[in-house]
Structures are given as C-alpha cells and as structure tokens.
Amino acid sequence: MNFVIIVAAGTGSRMNSDLPKQFLDLNGLPVIMHTIDHFHQSSDISEIILVISKEMEKFWIDLCSMLQYSTPVHLTLEVKPALKV
C-alpha cells in the first residue's frame, strides 16, 4: 500500500491573499484538487490523505459540494502543538 500525504494547511500569508494558495482557482478547479486528481490517477497510490487547517474544514466541505468534487481523500485536520513556556 502506498499513501500520499498532502500537507495543505498553509495560510497564504506570503501571497497577501485572503484565500490560501492551495484553494486558488487554476483552470476551473482549486490548485489542491488538481494535485489530488493527479495522485488519484496513479495505480501505485492506494490512499490520499489531505491535511488542512481546522479553519478551512467547512470551506473544503462546501467547496467539494459546490464543485461536485468526489475524488476520495481521507481528510485530516492540522494539529498545532501546545507551546511550552
């Protein structure tokens, strides 16, 4: 079994964008969906794990619904470590 883990929990702050770059449109689909689709086409990949920030969970779900996006991924939310002072 081969797994792909796509870490897409960035905020887009360096791009000065309100929307993280993984969700920006590229030819009708967000960049992250193009990435997922390419991995999904590979017969060597058995599961795709997508890591996004907790803040983007609802956005992702709504986006998938709006675009009728059904490529199977295992969604995982970013876990931020507790700071030790």
N, C-alpha and C. Protein backbone atom coordinates (compact mmCIF):
# COMPACT_ATOMS: atom_id res chain seq x y z
N MET A 1 0.83 -1.18 0.00
CA MET A 1 0.00 0.00 0.00
C MET A 1 0.88 1.24 0.00
N ASN A 2 0.53 2.16 -0.86
CA ASN A 2 1.25 3.43 -0.93
C ASN A 2 0.30 4.57 -0.61
N PHE A 3 0.72 5.39 0.31
CA PHE A 3 -0.08 6.52 0.75
C PHE A 3 0.57 7.81 0.30
N VAL A 4 -0.25 8.79 0.00
CA VAL A 4 0.22 10.14 -0.28
C VAL A 4 -0.35 11.04 0.81
N ILE A 5 0.51 11.83 1.42
CA ILE A 5 0.05 12.81 2.39
C ILE A 5 0.31 14.19 1.80
N ILE A 6 -0.76 14.93 1.58
CA ILE A 6 -0.67 16.28 1.03
C ILE A 6 -0.91 17.24 2.19
N VAL A 7 0.12 17.97 2.54
CA VAL A 7 0.01 18.93 3.63
C VAL A 7 -0.34 20.28 3.02
N ALA A 8 -1.60 20.69 3.25
CA ALA A 8 -2.11 21.92 2.63
C ALA A 8 -2.77 22.80 3.68
N ALA A 9 -2.05 23.03 4.77
CA ALA A 9 -2.61 23.80 5.87
C ALA A 9 -2.07 25.22 5.93
N GLY A 10 -1.40 25.65 4.86
CA GLY A 10 -0.84 27.00 4.83
C GLY A 10 -1.93 28.06 4.79
N THR A 11 -1.52 29.30 5.10
CA THR A 11 -2.49 30.39 5.17
C THR A 11 -2.45 31.33 3.97
N GLY A 12 -1.41 31.25 3.17
CA GLY A 12 -1.29 32.14 2.02
C GLY A 12 -0.78 33.52 2.39
N SER A 13 -0.21 33.66 3.56
CA SER A 13 0.21 34.99 4.05
C SER A 13 1.30 35.62 3.18
N ARG A 14 2.19 34.84 2.62
CA ARG A 14 3.24 35.41 1.78
C ARG A 14 2.71 35.91 0.45
N MET A 15 1.53 35.43 0.06
CA MET A 15 0.92 35.87 -1.20
C MET A 15 0.01 37.07 -0.99
N ASN A 16 -0.12 37.51 0.28
CA ASN A 16 -1.04 38.60 0.60
C ASN A 16 -2.43 38.33 0.05
N SER A 17 -2.91 37.10 0.26
CA SER A 17 -4.21 36.68 -0.23
C SER A 17 -5.10 36.29 0.95
N ASP A 18 -6.37 36.60 0.84
CA ASP A 18 -7.31 36.18 1.88
C ASP A 18 -7.56 34.68 1.81
N LEU A 19 -7.33 34.12 0.64
CA LEU A 19 -7.55 32.69 0.43
C LEU A 19 -6.20 31.99 0.29
N PRO A 20 -5.94 30.93 1.05
CA PRO A 20 -4.68 30.20 0.90
C PRO A 20 -4.48 29.72 -0.54
N LYS A 21 -3.23 29.73 -0.99
CA LYS A 21 -2.95 29.45 -2.41
C LYS A 21 -3.42 28.08 -2.87
N GLN A 22 -3.50 27.09 -1.97
CA GLN A 22 -3.96 25.77 -2.37
C GLN A 22 -5.43 25.78 -2.80
N PHE A 23 -6.15 26.83 -2.43
CA PHE A 23 -7.56 26.94 -2.80
C PHE A 23 -7.81 27.93 -3.94
N LEU A 24 -6.75 28.53 -4.46
CA LEU A 24 -6.91 29.45 -5.58
C LEU A 24 -7.26 28.68 -6.85
N ASP A 25 -8.06 29.32 -7.69
CA ASP A 25 -8.55 28.69 -8.92
C ASP A 25 -7.43 28.56 -9.97
N LEU A 26 -7.38 27.40 -10.59
CA LEU A 26 -6.48 27.14 -11.71
C LEU A 26 -7.28 26.36 -12.75
N ASN A 27 -7.65 27.00 -13.81
CA ASN A 27 -8.43 26.37 -14.88
C ASN A 27 -9.72 25.72 -14.38
N GLY A 28 -10.44 26.42 -13.51
CA GLY A 28 -11.75 25.94 -13.07
C GLY A 28 -11.78 25.11 -11.81
N LEU A 29 -10.62 24.72 -11.31
CA LEU A 29 -10.56 23.96 -10.05
C LEU A 29 -9.48 24.56 -9.16
N PRO A 30 -9.65 24.45 -7.84
CA PRO A 30 -8.58 24.89 -6.95
C PRO A 30 -7.32 24.06 -7.17
N VAL A 31 -6.18 24.67 -6.94
CA VAL A 31 -4.88 24.01 -7.12
C VAL A 31 -4.84 22.66 -6.40
N ILE A 32 -5.34 22.60 -5.18
CA ILE A 32 -5.28 21.36 -4.39
C ILE A 32 -6.05 20.23 -5.06
N MET A 33 -7.14 20.53 -5.73
CA MET A 33 -7.91 19.49 -6.41
C MET A 33 -7.18 18.94 -7.63
N HIS A 34 -6.43 19.79 -8.31
CA HIS A 34 -5.59 19.30 -9.41
C HIS A 34 -4.54 18.33 -8.87
N THR A 35 -3.95 18.69 -7.73
CA THR A 35 -2.93 17.84 -7.11
C THR A 35 -3.52 16.48 -6.72
N ILE A 36 -4.66 16.51 -6.06
CA ILE A 36 -5.33 15.27 -5.64
C ILE A 36 -5.65 14.41 -6.86
N ASP A 37 -6.20 15.02 -7.90
CA ASP A 37 -6.58 14.27 -9.11
C ASP A 37 -5.39 13.58 -9.76
N HIS A 38 -4.24 14.25 -9.79
CA HIS A 38 -3.05 13.63 -10.39
C HIS A 38 -2.60 12.40 -9.60
N PHE A 39 -2.61 12.50 -8.28
CA PHE A 39 -2.26 11.33 -7.47
C PHE A 39 -3.30 10.22 -7.62
N HIS A 40 -4.56 10.59 -7.71
CA HIS A 40 -5.64 9.61 -7.81
C HIS A 40 -5.54 8.80 -9.10
N GLN A 41 -4.99 9.39 -10.14
CA GLN A 41 -4.85 8.70 -11.43
C GLN A 41 -3.76 7.64 -11.41
N SER A 42 -2.91 7.68 -10.41
CA SER A 42 -1.81 6.72 -10.32
C SER A 42 -2.29 5.40 -9.73
N SER A 43 -1.99 4.32 -10.41
CA SER A 43 -2.35 2.99 -9.90
C SER A 43 -1.46 2.57 -8.73
N ASP A 44 -0.38 3.32 -8.49
CA ASP A 44 0.53 3.00 -7.38
C ASP A 44 0.06 3.56 -6.04
N ILE A 45 -0.92 4.45 -6.07
CA ILE A 45 -1.39 5.12 -4.85
C ILE A 45 -2.66 4.46 -4.35
N SER A 46 -2.65 4.02 -3.09
CA SER A 46 -3.83 3.35 -2.54
C SER A 46 -4.70 4.30 -1.71
N GLU A 47 -4.11 5.34 -1.13
CA GLU A 47 -4.90 6.29 -0.35
C GLU A 47 -4.26 7.66 -0.39
N ILE A 48 -5.11 8.68 -0.45
CA ILE A 48 -4.65 10.07 -0.42
C ILE A 48 -5.14 10.69 0.87
N ILE A 49 -4.21 11.24 1.63
CA ILE A 49 -4.52 11.89 2.90
C ILE A 49 -4.27 13.38 2.71
N LEU A 50 -5.30 14.17 2.97
CA LEU A 50 -5.20 15.62 2.82
C LEU A 50 -5.22 16.26 4.21
N VAL A 51 -4.19 17.04 4.51
CA VAL A 51 -4.11 17.76 5.78
C VAL A 51 -4.41 19.22 5.52
N ILE A 52 -5.48 19.72 6.14
CA ILE A 52 -5.81 21.14 6.02
C ILE A 52 -6.00 21.71 7.43
N SER A 53 -6.04 23.03 7.52
CA SER A 53 -6.25 23.65 8.83
C SER A 53 -7.70 23.49 9.26
N LYS A 54 -7.91 23.46 10.54
CA LYS A 54 -9.25 23.36 11.11
C LYS A 54 -10.13 24.50 10.58
N GLU A 55 -9.55 25.67 10.41
CA GLU A 55 -10.29 26.84 9.94
C GLU A 55 -10.83 26.66 8.52
N MET A 56 -10.21 25.79 7.74
CA MET A 56 -10.62 25.61 6.34
C MET A 56 -11.50 24.37 6.13
N GLU A 57 -11.83 23.66 7.21
CA GLU A 57 -12.61 22.43 7.07
C GLU A 57 -13.97 22.68 6.41
N LYS A 58 -14.73 23.63 6.93
CA LYS A 58 -16.05 23.92 6.36
C LYS A 58 -15.91 24.43 4.93
N PHE A 59 -14.91 25.27 4.69
CA PHE A 59 -14.68 25.78 3.34
C PHE A 59 -14.44 24.62 2.37
N TRP A 60 -13.61 23.65 2.77
CA TRP A 60 -13.30 22.48 1.93
C TRP A 60 -14.56 21.66 1.64
N ILE A 61 -15.33 21.41 2.67
CA ILE A 61 -16.56 20.62 2.50
C ILE A 61 -17.54 21.34 1.58
N ASP A 62 -17.71 22.63 1.79
CA ASP A 62 -18.61 23.43 0.94
C ASP A 62 -18.09 23.48 -0.50
N LEU A 63 -16.78 23.62 -0.64
CA LEU A 63 -16.17 23.67 -1.97
C LEU A 63 -16.38 22.37 -2.73
N CYS A 64 -16.17 21.26 -2.06
CA CYS A 64 -16.39 19.94 -2.69
C CYS A 64 -17.85 19.78 -3.11
N SER A 65 -18.74 20.23 -2.28
CA SER A 65 -20.17 20.14 -2.60
C SER A 65 -20.51 21.03 -3.79
N MET A 66 -20.04 22.27 -3.76
CA MET A 66 -20.34 23.22 -4.83
C MET A 66 -19.81 22.74 -6.18
N LEU A 67 -18.60 22.17 -6.18
CA LEU A 67 -17.97 21.72 -7.43
C LEU A 67 -18.30 20.26 -7.75
N GLN A 68 -19.11 19.63 -6.90
CA GLN A 68 -19.45 18.21 -7.05
C GLN A 68 -18.18 17.37 -7.18
N TYR A 69 -17.23 17.67 -6.30
CA TYR A 69 -15.93 17.01 -6.31
C TYR A 69 -16.00 15.75 -5.46
N SER A 70 -15.75 14.61 -6.08
CA SER A 70 -15.93 13.35 -5.36
C SER A 70 -14.70 12.43 -5.36
N THR A 71 -13.55 12.94 -5.74
CA THR A 71 -12.33 12.13 -5.68
C THR A 71 -12.08 11.77 -4.22
N PRO A 72 -11.93 10.48 -3.91
CA PRO A 72 -11.82 10.09 -2.50
C PRO A 72 -10.51 10.52 -1.85
N VAL A 73 -10.64 11.19 -0.72
CA VAL A 73 -9.48 11.56 0.10
C VAL A 73 -9.85 11.35 1.56
N HIS A 74 -8.84 11.07 2.34
CA HIS A 74 -9.02 10.99 3.80
C HIS A 74 -8.62 12.36 4.33
N LEU A 75 -9.58 13.10 4.87
CA LEU A 75 -9.33 14.45 5.36
C LEU A 75 -8.84 14.40 6.80
N THR A 76 -7.74 15.09 7.06
CA THR A 76 -7.16 15.19 8.38
C THR A 76 -6.95 16.66 8.69
N LEU A 77 -7.25 17.05 9.90
CA LEU A 77 -7.09 18.45 10.27
C LEU A 77 -5.76 18.67 10.96
N GLU A 78 -5.16 19.80 10.67
CA GLU A 78 -3.86 20.17 11.24
C GLU A 78 -3.96 20.23 12.75
N VAL A 79 -2.98 19.65 13.40
CA VAL A 79 -2.90 19.70 14.85
C VAL A 79 -1.71 20.57 15.20
N LYS A 80 -1.99 21.62 15.94
CA LYS A 80 -0.92 22.53 16.34
C LYS A 80 -0.42 22.13 17.72
N PRO A 81 0.91 21.99 17.86
CA PRO A 81 1.43 21.58 19.18
C PRO A 81 1.24 22.70 20.21
N ALA A 82 1.05 22.27 21.44
CA ALA A 82 0.95 23.24 22.53
C ALA A 82 2.31 23.89 22.75
N LEU A 83 2.30 25.17 23.00
CA LEU A 83 3.56 25.88 23.25
C LEU A 83 3.97 25.68 24.70
N LYS A 84 5.23 25.40 24.89
CA LYS A 84 5.76 25.29 26.25
C LYS A 84 6.50 26.59 26.54
N VAL A 85 6.17 27.17 27.68
CA VAL A 85 6.78 28.44 28.04
C VAL A 85 7.79 28.25 29.13
